[in-house]
Amino acid sequence: MKENIWFTADLHFGHEDILGYCRRPFANIAEHDEALIKNWNDCVADRDRIYILGDFAFRNHNDYLLRLKGRKYFIIGSHDTMNAETKKHFITVSEMKTVRYRSRFFELCHYPLRSWERCWEGSVMLHGHSHNRITANNLSFDVGVDANDYKPFSIVEIMEKVKEREKTMRKNHRIVKEADGKTRYYQDDVKWLEFLLKKIEK
């Protein structure tokens, strides 16, 4: 069977303070951890790829990793201290990663970036860190558990969101065909405003 692709971030397993900080609706950290493990395993099959965009666990990483399905790729976050033994659970460990799905590029980073590789060409930024507390912008998406009912996002869900965002971007003249025939995505607000001002000046 064909693999599915999943993305998640900011699980904060074993981190008691995250319940108050993010107002997560669990009585205690044990209940929180069990719910997130169940949600993960209900979505992800052993054959699937899952990209974890940082802030995985506060402690005891191995205990959680052994209970979670899927082939795991890890993007380092702001609270990720792991030894060499723990890192063996991941196919790759990196600070950023590029993934291609069909003809679309995805740039993966724990932190939301204002500009990223191929953003002019319609590449998608996937990030965590913000705990669903910043306004979604163009083709930039928070894939943390706080943004998806404490579950991973599938690539299918992300692609549906991309299509909806692209409709809005076209209406706002953020996706335009240039004089050279190439389609350009104005994902950066400053560059977009510069583009609009040039149009007005003409």
Protein backbone atom coordinates (compact mmCIF):
# COMPACT_ATOMS: atom_id res chain seq x y z
CA MET A 1 0.00 0.00 0.00
CA LYS A 2 1.10 3.56 -0.69
CA GLU A 3 2.52 5.58 2.17
CA ASN A 4 0.78 8.66 3.50
CA ILE A 5 2.67 11.78 4.58
CA TRP A 6 1.99 13.61 7.85
CA PHE A 7 3.23 16.70 9.65
CA THR A 8 3.09 17.70 13.30
CA ALA A 9 4.85 19.94 15.83
CA ASP A 10 4.81 21.20 19.41
CA LEU A 11 3.58 18.04 21.07
CA HIS A 12 5.46 18.85 24.30
CA PHE A 13 5.13 15.34 25.72
CA GLY A 14 5.79 15.29 29.45
CA HIS A 15 5.69 19.08 29.77
CA GLU A 16 3.23 19.89 32.56
CA ASP A 17 3.39 23.67 32.05
CA ILE A 18 2.19 23.43 28.44
CA LEU A 19 -1.33 22.66 29.71
CA GLY A 20 -1.66 26.14 31.18
CA TYR A 21 0.48 27.95 28.66
CA CYS A 22 -1.60 26.76 25.70
CA ARG A 23 -4.83 26.06 27.60
CA ARG A 24 -4.86 22.46 26.48
CA PRO A 25 -8.05 20.78 27.69
CA PHE A 26 -6.59 17.94 29.74
CA ALA A 27 -6.74 17.28 33.47
CA ASN A 28 -3.05 16.45 33.77
CA ILE A 29 0.01 15.72 31.64
CA ALA A 30 -0.55 11.95 31.70
CA GLU A 31 -4.02 12.37 30.18
CA HIS A 32 -2.56 14.85 27.65
CA ASP A 33 0.20 12.49 26.57
CA GLU A 34 -2.12 9.49 26.17
CA ALA A 35 -4.57 11.54 24.07
CA LEU A 36 -1.83 12.78 21.73
CA ILE A 37 -0.39 9.28 21.35
CA LYS A 38 -3.84 7.90 20.49
CA ASN A 39 -4.54 10.70 18.01
CA TRP A 40 -1.18 10.11 16.31
CA ASN A 41 -1.60 6.33 16.03
CA ASP A 42 -5.21 6.64 14.84
CA CYS A 43 -3.89 8.66 11.87
CA VAL A 44 -0.42 7.35 11.10
CA ALA A 45 0.36 3.84 9.87
CA ASP A 46 3.72 2.13 10.32
CA ARG A 47 4.53 2.57 6.62
CA ASP A 48 3.74 6.32 6.64
CA ARG A 49 6.18 9.21 6.74
CA ILE A 50 5.74 11.74 9.53
CA TYR A 51 7.70 14.98 9.87
CA ILE A 52 7.95 16.34 13.42
CA LEU A 53 8.72 20.06 13.33
CA GLY A 54 10.21 20.43 16.76
CA ASP A 55 9.35 20.59 20.47
CA PHE A 56 8.57 16.92 20.71
CA ALA A 57 9.07 16.08 24.38
CA PHE A 58 10.25 17.59 27.65
CA ARG A 59 11.89 14.33 28.81
CA ASN A 60 11.91 10.55 28.23
CA HIS A 61 11.85 10.91 24.44
CA ASN A 62 12.48 7.21 23.82
CA ASP A 63 9.44 6.13 25.83
CA TYR A 64 7.17 8.17 23.56
CA LEU A 65 8.93 7.37 20.30
CA LEU A 66 8.64 3.63 20.85
CA ARG A 67 4.84 3.98 21.15
CA LEU A 68 4.33 6.09 18.02
CA LYS A 69 3.78 4.70 14.53
CA GLY A 70 5.40 5.83 11.31
CA ARG A 71 8.81 6.52 9.81
CA LYS A 72 9.90 9.65 11.65
CA TYR A 73 11.82 12.67 10.35
CA PHE A 74 12.78 15.30 12.89
CA ILE A 75 13.21 19.06 12.58
CA ILE A 76 14.92 20.53 15.67
CA GLY A 77 12.83 22.95 17.72
CA SER A 78 13.52 25.29 20.61
CA HIS A 79 13.13 22.68 23.38
CA ASP A 80 14.77 19.59 21.90
CA THR A 81 17.74 18.18 23.77
CA MET A 82 18.37 14.61 22.63
CA ASN A 83 21.26 12.21 22.96
CA ALA A 84 22.68 10.12 20.12
CA GLU A 85 20.63 7.08 21.12
CA THR A 86 17.36 9.01 20.84
CA LYS A 87 18.30 10.41 17.44
CA LYS A 88 18.54 6.84 16.10
CA HIS A 89 14.72 6.69 16.14
CA PHE A 90 14.60 9.23 13.30
CA ILE A 91 15.44 8.71 9.65
CA THR A 92 16.88 12.24 9.55
CA VAL A 93 17.46 15.01 12.10
CA SER A 94 17.94 18.54 10.76
CA GLU A 95 17.22 22.20 11.43
CA MET A 96 15.31 22.59 8.15
CA LYS A 97 14.17 20.25 5.41
CA THR A 98 12.73 20.47 1.91
CA VAL A 99 10.06 17.98 0.87
CA ARG A 100 8.60 17.65 -2.62
CA TYR A 101 5.08 16.34 -3.14
CA ARG A 102 4.02 16.05 -6.76
CA SER A 103 5.17 19.36 -8.25
CA ARG A 104 5.01 21.34 -5.00
CA PHE A 105 7.92 22.12 -2.67
CA PHE A 106 7.46 22.34 1.08
CA GLU A 107 9.98 24.06 3.32
CA LEU A 108 9.95 22.66 6.86
CA CYS A 109 11.24 24.61 9.87
CA HIS A 110 10.26 24.80 13.52
CA TYR A 111 10.04 28.58 13.30
CA PRO A 112 7.68 30.53 10.99
CA LEU A 113 9.78 32.36 8.39
CA ARG A 114 8.94 35.56 6.54
CA SER A 115 10.82 34.40 3.44
CA TRP A 116 11.92 30.91 2.43
CA GLU A 117 13.34 28.91 -0.47
CA ARG A 118 11.23 29.12 -3.65
CA CYS A 119 8.53 31.23 -1.97
CA TRP A 120 8.36 33.26 -5.22
CA GLU A 121 7.51 30.05 -7.05
CA GLY A 122 4.72 28.97 -4.72
CA SER A 123 6.58 26.78 -2.25
CA VAL A 124 4.82 26.18 1.05
CA MET A 125 6.19 27.00 4.51
CA LEU A 126 5.26 24.52 7.26
CA HIS A 127 6.21 25.41 10.82
CA GLY A 128 5.42 25.03 14.49
CA HIS A 129 6.49 27.14 17.47
CA SER A 130 3.60 29.63 17.44
CA HIS A 131 0.98 27.31 19.00
CA ASN A 132 -1.73 28.61 16.65
CA ARG A 133 -1.27 32.17 17.96
CA ILE A 134 -0.21 34.02 14.83
CA THR A 135 -2.35 34.94 11.85
CA ALA A 136 -2.03 32.46 9.00
CA ASN A 137 -0.32 34.09 6.06
CA ASN A 138 -0.44 33.13 2.37
CA LEU A 139 1.19 29.70 1.91
CA SER A 140 2.58 29.50 5.45
CA PHE A 141 0.91 27.00 7.80
CA ASP A 142 1.26 26.13 11.47
CA VAL A 143 1.21 22.32 11.67
CA GLY A 144 1.45 22.17 15.46
CA VAL A 145 -1.05 20.14 17.45
CA ASP A 146 -2.68 23.31 18.81
CA ALA A 147 -3.75 24.14 15.26
CA ASN A 148 -5.39 20.78 14.49
CA ASP A 149 -7.27 19.42 17.49
CA TYR A 150 -4.09 17.72 18.79
CA LYS A 151 -3.66 15.56 15.69
CA PRO A 152 -1.12 15.42 12.85
CA PHE A 153 -1.93 17.11 9.52
CA SER A 154 -1.98 14.93 6.39
CA ILE A 155 -0.45 16.10 3.13
CA VAL A 156 -3.97 15.90 1.65
CA GLU A 157 -5.30 18.36 4.26
CA ILE A 158 -2.38 20.70 3.61
CA MET A 159 -2.93 20.61 -0.16
CA GLU A 160 -6.61 21.49 0.33
CA LYS A 161 -5.59 24.47 2.46
CA VAL A 162 -3.05 25.51 -0.20
CA LYS A 163 -5.76 25.56 -2.88
CA GLU A 164 -8.03 27.73 -0.71
CA ARG A 165 -5.23 30.14 0.13
CA GLU A 166 -4.24 30.40 -3.53
CA LYS A 167 -7.79 31.50 -4.42
CA THR A 168 -7.51 34.33 -1.90
CA MET A 169 -4.02 35.24 -3.07
CA ARG A 170 -5.19 35.53 -6.68
CA LYS A 171 -8.05 37.82 -5.65
CA ASN A 172 -5.54 40.00 -3.80
CA HIS A 173 -3.07 40.09 -6.72
CA ARG A 174 -0.50 38.09 -4.78
CA ILE A 175 -0.23 35.50 -7.57
CA VAL A 176 0.46 37.19 -10.90
CA LYS A 177 1.84 36.36 -14.31
CA GLU A 178 4.87 38.56 -15.00
CA ALA A 179 5.99 40.02 -18.32
CA ASP A 180 8.43 37.14 -18.76
CA GLY A 181 5.50 34.69 -18.65
CA LYS A 182 6.41 33.27 -15.25
CA THR A 183 3.89 33.10 -12.41
CA ARG A 184 5.13 34.86 -9.30
CA TYR A 185 3.86 34.48 -5.75
CA TYR A 186 4.07 37.63 -3.60
CA GLN A 187 4.12 35.99 -0.17
CA ASP A 188 6.16 38.72 1.50
CA ASP A 189 4.03 41.76 2.40
CA VAL A 190 6.74 44.32 1.66
CA LYS A 191 7.41 42.92 -1.82
CA TRP A 192 3.68 42.72 -2.47
CA LEU A 193 3.16 46.37 -1.53
CA GLU A 194 6.09 47.38 -3.72
CA PHE A 195 4.48 45.47 -6.60
CA LEU A 196 1.11 47.21 -6.05
CA LEU A 197 2.71 50.64 -5.88
CA LYS A 198 4.48 50.05 -9.18
CA LYS A 199 1.14 49.12 -10.74
CA ILE A 200 -0.45 52.31 -9.42
CA GLU A 201 2.45 54.44 -10.68
CA LYS A 202 2.00 53.03 -14.19
